[in-house]
Amino acid sequence: MRTALLIVALALLVAGCGGSSHGSAPELKSAPPALAKRLLTRQLNAKQLDYKWVACVAVGRSYKHVAITRCNVDVGIDPHVEGYCVLLKDGRLATNHQDPAIPCKHDDAGWDKTTITS
């Protein structure tokens, strides 16, 4: 009887682990600048963070072969612009502030482009 219960318990454990997606890598996609701005603005508002403007631009870098978009956020402290490098992880916005593995070093991306912040 004990052996039968042990076999059933082991079978349930194996069945539960086999169908799980816990071990799979997240799906990564690029967030084009307009989408990145919209999603980051929502995220900042949801956290009730105070900022003046958000401007996003493609930077030509990637993370795990996925293009990164850089968003600059004016947090208004003398003025201070904070960089957020973003992409979509399983359909949700992921930033370098949430995942430090997303590279976000300083660059001059955007200086040669027209950036609309309204």
C-alpha atoms as a PDB file:
ATOM      1  CA  MET A   1       0.000   0.000   0.000  1.00  0.00           C
ATOM      2  CA  ARG A   2       2.809   2.409   0.891  1.00  0.00           C
ATOM      3  CA  THR A   3       4.579   1.661  -2.364  1.00  0.00           C
ATOM      4  CA  ALA A   4       1.402   2.378  -4.355  1.00  0.00           C
ATOM      5  CA  LEU A   5       0.954   5.745  -2.620  1.00  0.00           C
ATOM      6  CA  LEU A   6       4.582   6.595  -3.230  1.00  0.00           C
ATOM      7  CA  ILE A   7       4.236   5.755  -6.920  1.00  0.00           C
ATOM      8  CA  VAL A   8       1.075   7.891  -7.244  1.00  0.00           C
ATOM      9  CA  ALA A   9       2.726  10.809  -5.431  1.00  0.00           C
ATOM     10  CA  LEU A  10       5.800  10.563  -7.655  1.00  0.00           C
ATOM     11  CA  ALA A  11       3.638  10.389 -10.806  1.00  0.00           C
ATOM     12  CA  LEU A  12       1.724  13.527  -9.737  1.00  0.00           C
ATOM     13  CA  LEU A  13       4.957  15.348  -9.022  1.00  0.00           C
ATOM     14  CA  VAL A  14       6.411  14.471 -12.419  1.00  0.00           C
ATOM     15  CA  ALA A  15       3.159  15.383 -14.203  1.00  0.00           C
ATOM     16  CA  GLY A  16       3.058  18.740 -12.442  1.00  0.00           C
ATOM     17  CA  CYS A  17       6.637  19.601 -13.390  1.00  0.00           C
ATOM     18  CA  GLY A  18       6.408  18.486 -16.996  1.00  0.00           C
ATOM     19  CA  GLY A  19       3.737  20.945 -18.079  1.00  0.00           C
ATOM     20  CA  SER A  20       5.148  23.903 -16.225  1.00  0.00           C
ATOM     21  CA  SER A  21       6.644  26.894 -18.037  1.00  0.00           C
ATOM     22  CA  HIS A  22       8.644  28.021 -14.998  1.00  0.00           C
ATOM     23  CA  GLY A  23      11.904  26.930 -16.608  1.00  0.00           C
ATOM     24  CA  SER A  24      11.318  28.517 -20.021  1.00  0.00           C
ATOM     25  CA  ALA A  25      12.952  31.774 -21.012  1.00  0.00           C
ATOM     26  CA  PRO A  26      10.697  34.815 -21.333  1.00  0.00           C
ATOM     27  CA  GLU A  27       9.731  35.981 -24.802  1.00  0.00           C
ATOM     28  CA  LEU A  28      11.618  39.200 -25.591  1.00  0.00           C
ATOM     29  CA  LYS A  29      10.473  41.733 -28.189  1.00  0.00           C
ATOM     30  CA  SER A  30      11.427  45.247 -29.109  1.00  0.00           C
ATOM     31  CA  ALA A  31       9.242  48.119 -27.905  1.00  0.00           C
ATOM     32  CA  PRO A  32       9.098  50.750 -30.673  1.00  0.00           C
ATOM     33  CA  PRO A  33       9.557  54.320 -29.330  1.00  0.00           C
ATOM     34  CA  ALA A  34       5.856  55.318 -29.418  1.00  0.00           C
ATOM     35  CA  LEU A  35       4.783  52.126 -27.625  1.00  0.00           C
ATOM     36  CA  ALA A  36       7.690  52.376 -25.166  1.00  0.00           C
ATOM     37  CA  LYS A  37       6.678  55.942 -24.284  1.00  0.00           C
ATOM     38  CA  ARG A  38       3.039  54.995 -23.782  1.00  0.00           C
ATOM     39  CA  LEU A  39       3.831  51.975 -21.598  1.00  0.00           C
ATOM     40  CA  LEU A  40       6.554  53.704 -19.571  1.00  0.00           C
ATOM     41  CA  THR A  41       4.281  56.699 -18.936  1.00  0.00           C
ATOM     42  CA  ARG A  42       1.602  54.301 -17.641  1.00  0.00           C
ATOM     43  CA  GLN A  43       4.170  52.570 -15.434  1.00  0.00           C
ATOM     44  CA  LEU A  44       5.450  55.876 -14.001  1.00  0.00           C
ATOM     45  CA  ASN A  45       1.895  57.089 -13.355  1.00  0.00           C
ATOM     46  CA  ALA A  46       0.923  53.794 -11.685  1.00  0.00           C
ATOM     47  CA  LYS A  47       3.857  54.235  -9.299  1.00  0.00           C
ATOM     48  CA  GLN A  48       2.757  57.862  -8.735  1.00  0.00           C
ATOM     49  CA  LEU A  49       6.188  59.146  -9.725  1.00  0.00           C
ATOM     50  CA  ASP A  50       6.591  62.851 -10.423  1.00  0.00           C
ATOM     51  CA  TYR A  51       8.137  63.674 -13.814  1.00  0.00           C
ATOM     52  CA  LYS A  52       7.947  66.439 -16.436  1.00  0.00           C
ATOM     53  CA  TRP A  53       8.279  64.572 -19.751  1.00  0.00           C
ATOM     54  CA  VAL A  54       9.226  61.285 -21.423  1.00  0.00           C
ATOM     55  CA  ALA A  55      11.028  61.010 -24.777  1.00  0.00           C
ATOM     56  CA  CYS A  56      11.905  57.655 -26.373  1.00  0.00           C
ATOM     57  CA  VAL A  57      14.221  56.787 -29.246  1.00  0.00           C
ATOM     58  CA  ALA A  58      15.711  53.644 -30.807  1.00  0.00           C
ATOM     59  CA  VAL A  59      19.384  53.406 -29.811  1.00  0.00           C
ATOM     60  CA  GLY A  60      20.744  50.731 -32.142  1.00  0.00           C
ATOM     61  CA  ARG A  61      21.787  48.416 -29.275  1.00  0.00           C
ATOM     62  CA  SER A  62      20.301  45.112 -28.304  1.00  0.00           C
ATOM     63  CA  TYR A  63      19.796  42.731 -25.417  1.00  0.00           C
ATOM     64  CA  LYS A  64      19.781  39.027 -26.285  1.00  0.00           C
ATOM     65  CA  HIS A  65      19.423  40.008 -29.976  1.00  0.00           C
ATOM     66  CA  VAL A  66      16.362  42.218 -29.286  1.00  0.00           C
ATOM     67  CA  ALA A  67      16.510  45.938 -30.092  1.00  0.00           C
ATOM     68  CA  ILE A  68      16.425  48.267 -27.090  1.00  0.00           C
ATOM     69  CA  THR A  69      14.573  51.574 -26.927  1.00  0.00           C
ATOM     70  CA  ARG A  70      15.930  54.285 -24.640  1.00  0.00           C
ATOM     71  CA  CYS A  71      13.490  56.593 -22.906  1.00  0.00           C
ATOM     72  CA  ASN A  72      14.719  59.717 -21.167  1.00  0.00           C
ATOM     73  CA  VAL A  73      12.555  60.895 -18.297  1.00  0.00           C
ATOM     74  CA  ASP A  74      12.874  64.415 -16.873  1.00  0.00           C
ATOM     75  CA  VAL A  75      12.324  63.931 -13.166  1.00  0.00           C
ATOM     76  CA  GLY A  76      12.619  67.697 -12.665  1.00  0.00           C
ATOM     77  CA  ILE A  77      15.336  67.861 -10.043  1.00  0.00           C
ATOM     78  CA  ASP A  78      17.642  70.701 -11.161  1.00  0.00           C
ATOM     79  CA  PRO A  79      16.766  69.346 -14.062  1.00  0.00           C
ATOM     80  CA  HIS A  80      17.669  65.699 -14.011  1.00  0.00           C
ATOM     81  CA  VAL A  81      17.047  63.280 -16.875  1.00  0.00           C
ATOM     82  CA  GLU A  82      16.962  59.591 -15.986  1.00  0.00           C
ATOM     83  CA  GLY A  83      17.550  56.987 -18.702  1.00  0.00           C
ATOM     84  CA  TYR A  84      15.306  53.938 -19.004  1.00  0.00           C
ATOM     85  CA  CYS A  85      16.282  51.282 -21.539  1.00  0.00           C
ATOM     86  CA  VAL A  86      13.252  49.179 -22.348  1.00  0.00           C
ATOM     87  CA  LEU A  87      11.932  46.166 -24.215  1.00  0.00           C
ATOM     88  CA  LEU A  88       8.951  43.845 -23.928  1.00  0.00           C
ATOM     89  CA  LYS A  89       9.310  40.737 -21.780  1.00  0.00           C
ATOM     90  CA  ASP A  90       6.371  38.342 -22.197  1.00  0.00           C
ATOM     91  CA  GLY A  91       4.357  41.277 -23.576  1.00  0.00           C
ATOM     92  CA  ARG A  92       5.042  43.592 -20.616  1.00  0.00           C
ATOM     93  CA  LEU A  93       7.383  46.537 -20.474  1.00  0.00           C
ATOM     94  CA  ALA A  94      10.700  45.722 -18.812  1.00  0.00           C
ATOM     95  CA  THR A  95      13.226  48.426 -17.937  1.00  0.00           C
ATOM     96  CA  ASN A  96      16.856  48.387 -16.898  1.00  0.00           C
ATOM     97  CA  HIS A  97      15.667  49.677 -13.506  1.00  0.00           C
ATOM     98  CA  GLN A  98      13.708  46.436 -13.017  1.00  0.00           C
ATOM     99  CA  ASP A  99      16.233  44.183 -14.762  1.00  0.00           C
ATOM    100  CA  PRO A 100      19.822  45.503 -14.509  1.00  0.00           C
ATOM    101  CA  ALA A 101      20.914  42.972 -17.158  1.00  0.00           C
ATOM    102  CA  ILE A 102      19.304  45.236 -19.806  1.00  0.00           C
ATOM    103  CA  PRO A 103      22.202  47.482 -20.912  1.00  0.00           C
ATOM    104  CA  CYS A 104      21.645  51.211 -20.628  1.00  0.00           C
ATOM    105  CA  LYS A 105      24.927  53.047 -20.814  1.00  0.00           C
ATOM    106  CA  HIS A 106      25.017  56.685 -21.867  1.00  0.00           C
ATOM    107  CA  ASP A 107      24.907  57.310 -25.588  1.00  0.00           C
ATOM    108  CA  ASP A 108      24.140  60.175 -27.913  1.00  0.00           C
ATOM    109  CA  ALA A 109      21.196  58.433 -29.595  1.00  0.00           C
ATOM    110  CA  GLY A 110      18.502  60.822 -30.650  1.00  0.00           C
ATOM    111  CA  TRP A 111      20.615  63.937 -31.223  1.00  0.00           C
ATOM    112  CA  ASP A 112      20.142  63.589 -34.972  1.00  0.00           C
ATOM    113  CA  LYS A 113      16.384  62.863 -34.748  1.00  0.00           C
ATOM    114  CA  THR A 114      13.313  64.953 -34.091  1.00  0.00           C
ATOM    115  CA  THR A 115      11.890  63.973 -30.734  1.00  0.00           C
ATOM    116  CA  ILE A 116       8.271  64.785 -29.876  1.00  0.00           C
ATOM    117  CA  THR A 117       7.504  64.807 -26.163  1.00  0.00           C
ATOM    118  CA  SER A 118       3.876  65.930 -25.958  1.00  0.00           C
END
